[in-house]
Amino acid sequence: MGEQEKYKHMLKKIIDETENHTIKNSEQLIQILVSELKHGCLVGEQMQQQTAIK
């Protein structure tokens, strides 16, 4: 997957999570974006699971 496709997929996923109210505030959005850029696409899902547990 090319760089543009990777970022396109990442942003689409984050937009979907925001629209579905999985991401509830801007701080969480920024944390997920930073994590996604550092580590890849699975980090946002891990943060989502941690939030659901709390």
N, C-alpha and C. Protein backbone atom coordinates (compact mmCIF):
# COMPACT_ATOMS: atom_id res chain seq x y z
N MET A 1 0.85 -1.17 0.00
CA MET A 1 0.00 0.00 0.00
C MET A 1 0.90 1.24 0.00
N GLY A 2 0.63 2.18 -0.89
CA GLY A 2 1.41 3.39 -0.98
C GLY A 2 1.12 4.33 0.18
N GLU A 3 2.00 5.31 0.34
CA GLU A 3 1.85 6.27 1.44
C GLU A 3 0.51 7.00 1.38
N GLN A 4 0.13 7.48 0.21
CA GLN A 4 -1.13 8.21 0.09
C GLN A 4 -2.31 7.33 0.45
N GLU A 5 -2.30 6.10 0.01
CA GLU A 5 -3.39 5.18 0.32
C GLU A 5 -3.44 4.88 1.81
N LYS A 6 -2.28 4.74 2.44
CA LYS A 6 -2.22 4.47 3.88
C LYS A 6 -2.83 5.63 4.65
N TYR A 7 -2.47 6.86 4.30
CA TYR A 7 -3.02 8.03 5.00
C TYR A 7 -4.51 8.21 4.70
N LYS A 8 -4.90 7.93 3.48
CA LYS A 8 -6.31 8.02 3.11
C LYS A 8 -7.14 7.05 3.94
N HIS A 9 -6.66 5.82 4.07
CA HIS A 9 -7.34 4.80 4.87
C HIS A 9 -7.40 5.22 6.34
N MET A 10 -6.28 5.72 6.88
CA MET A 10 -6.22 6.14 8.27
C MET A 10 -7.21 7.28 8.54
N LEU A 11 -7.23 8.27 7.68
CA LEU A 11 -8.13 9.41 7.88
C LEU A 11 -9.59 9.00 7.73
N LYS A 12 -9.88 8.12 6.79
CA LYS A 12 -11.26 7.65 6.63
C LYS A 12 -11.73 6.94 7.88
N LYS A 13 -10.86 6.10 8.44
CA LYS A 13 -11.21 5.37 9.65
C LYS A 13 -11.45 6.33 10.81
N ILE A 14 -10.62 7.33 10.95
CA ILE A 14 -10.77 8.30 12.03
C ILE A 14 -12.03 9.13 11.85
N ILE A 15 -12.33 9.52 10.62
CA ILE A 15 -13.56 10.26 10.35
C ILE A 15 -14.77 9.40 10.70
N ASP A 16 -14.74 8.13 10.31
CA ASP A 16 -15.85 7.23 10.63
C ASP A 16 -16.03 7.09 12.14
N GLU A 17 -14.91 6.95 12.89
CA GLU A 17 -14.99 6.83 14.34
C GLU A 17 -15.54 8.10 14.97
N THR A 18 -15.21 9.25 14.41
CA THR A 18 -15.73 10.52 14.92
C THR A 18 -17.22 10.62 14.66
N GLU A 19 -17.65 10.24 13.47
CA GLU A 19 -19.07 10.30 13.13
C GLU A 19 -19.90 9.30 13.95
N ASN A 20 -19.30 8.19 14.31
CA ASN A 20 -19.99 7.17 15.12
C ASN A 20 -19.87 7.46 16.62
N HIS A 21 -19.29 8.58 16.97
CA HIS A 21 -19.11 9.02 18.36
C HIS A 21 -18.19 8.11 19.16
N THR A 22 -17.34 7.35 18.48
CA THR A 22 -16.33 6.56 19.17
C THR A 22 -15.26 7.48 19.72
N ILE A 23 -14.90 8.49 18.94
CA ILE A 23 -13.98 9.53 19.38
C ILE A 23 -14.85 10.66 19.90
N LYS A 24 -14.73 10.96 21.19
CA LYS A 24 -15.67 11.87 21.82
C LYS A 24 -15.15 13.30 21.99
N ASN A 25 -13.83 13.51 21.92
CA ASN A 25 -13.32 14.87 22.09
C ASN A 25 -12.03 15.06 21.28
N SER A 26 -11.62 16.30 21.19
CA SER A 26 -10.46 16.62 20.36
C SER A 26 -9.17 16.05 20.92
N GLU A 27 -9.06 15.95 22.24
CA GLU A 27 -7.86 15.37 22.83
C GLU A 27 -7.69 13.91 22.42
N GLN A 28 -8.78 13.17 22.47
CA GLN A 28 -8.74 11.77 22.05
C GLN A 28 -8.41 11.67 20.56
N LEU A 29 -8.98 12.55 19.76
CA LEU A 29 -8.70 12.57 18.32
C LEU A 29 -7.22 12.80 18.06
N ILE A 30 -6.63 13.75 18.75
CA ILE A 30 -5.21 14.05 18.56
C ILE A 30 -4.35 12.88 19.01
N GLN A 31 -4.69 12.26 20.15
CA GLN A 31 -3.93 11.10 20.62
C GLN A 31 -3.96 9.97 19.60
N ILE A 32 -5.12 9.72 19.03
CA ILE A 32 -5.24 8.65 18.04
C ILE A 32 -4.45 8.99 16.78
N LEU A 33 -4.55 10.23 16.31
CA LEU A 33 -3.80 10.63 15.12
C LEU A 33 -2.29 10.46 15.33
N VAL A 34 -1.79 10.92 16.47
CA VAL A 34 -0.36 10.79 16.75
C VAL A 34 0.04 9.32 16.82
N SER A 35 -0.76 8.53 17.51
CA SER A 35 -0.45 7.10 17.62
C SER A 35 -0.48 6.41 16.27
N GLU A 36 -1.48 6.75 15.46
CA GLU A 36 -1.59 6.16 14.12
C GLU A 36 -0.35 6.51 13.29
N LEU A 37 0.07 7.73 13.36
CA LEU A 37 1.23 8.15 12.57
C LEU A 37 2.51 7.50 13.07
N LYS A 38 2.62 7.26 14.38
CA LYS A 38 3.82 6.64 14.94
C LYS A 38 3.86 5.14 14.70
N HIS A 39 2.73 4.48 14.92
CA HIS A 39 2.75 3.02 15.03
C HIS A 39 1.96 2.27 13.98
N GLY A 40 1.05 2.91 13.29
CA GLY A 40 0.25 2.21 12.30
C GLY A 40 -1.21 2.15 12.69
N CYS A 41 -1.97 1.48 11.89
CA CYS A 41 -3.43 1.53 11.95
C CYS A 41 -4.04 0.79 13.12
N LEU A 42 -3.34 -0.07 13.80
CA LEU A 42 -3.96 -0.83 14.88
C LEU A 42 -4.04 -0.06 16.19
N VAL A 43 -3.26 0.98 16.34
CA VAL A 43 -3.21 1.70 17.60
C VAL A 43 -4.53 2.38 17.91
N GLY A 44 -5.17 2.98 16.93
CA GLY A 44 -6.47 3.62 17.15
C GLY A 44 -7.50 2.63 17.66
N GLU A 45 -7.48 1.43 17.13
CA GLU A 45 -8.40 0.40 17.57
C GLU A 45 -8.10 -0.02 19.01
N GLN A 46 -6.82 -0.08 19.38
CA GLN A 46 -6.47 -0.42 20.75
C GLN A 46 -6.94 0.66 21.71
N MET A 47 -6.78 1.93 21.35
CA MET A 47 -7.25 3.02 22.19
C MET A 47 -8.77 2.99 22.31
N GLN A 48 -9.43 2.64 21.24
CA GLN A 48 -10.89 2.54 21.23
C GLN A 48 -11.33 1.45 22.22
N GLN A 49 -10.64 0.33 22.22
CA GLN A 49 -10.98 -0.76 23.14
C GLN A 49 -10.72 -0.35 24.59
N GLN A 50 -9.64 0.38 24.85
CA GLN A 50 -9.34 0.85 26.20
C GLN A 50 -10.42 1.81 26.67
N THR A 51 -10.88 2.68 25.79
CA THR A 51 -11.93 3.63 26.15
C THR A 51 -13.23 2.90 26.46
N ALA A 52 -13.53 1.88 25.71
CA ALA A 52 -14.76 1.11 25.93
C ALA A 52 -14.73 0.40 27.28
N ILE A 53 -13.55 -0.01 27.72
CA ILE A 53 -13.42 -0.71 29.00
C ILE A 53 -13.67 0.24 30.17
N LYS A 54 -13.25 1.49 30.05
CA LYS A 54 -13.39 2.46 31.14
C LYS A 54 -14.79 2.79 31.31
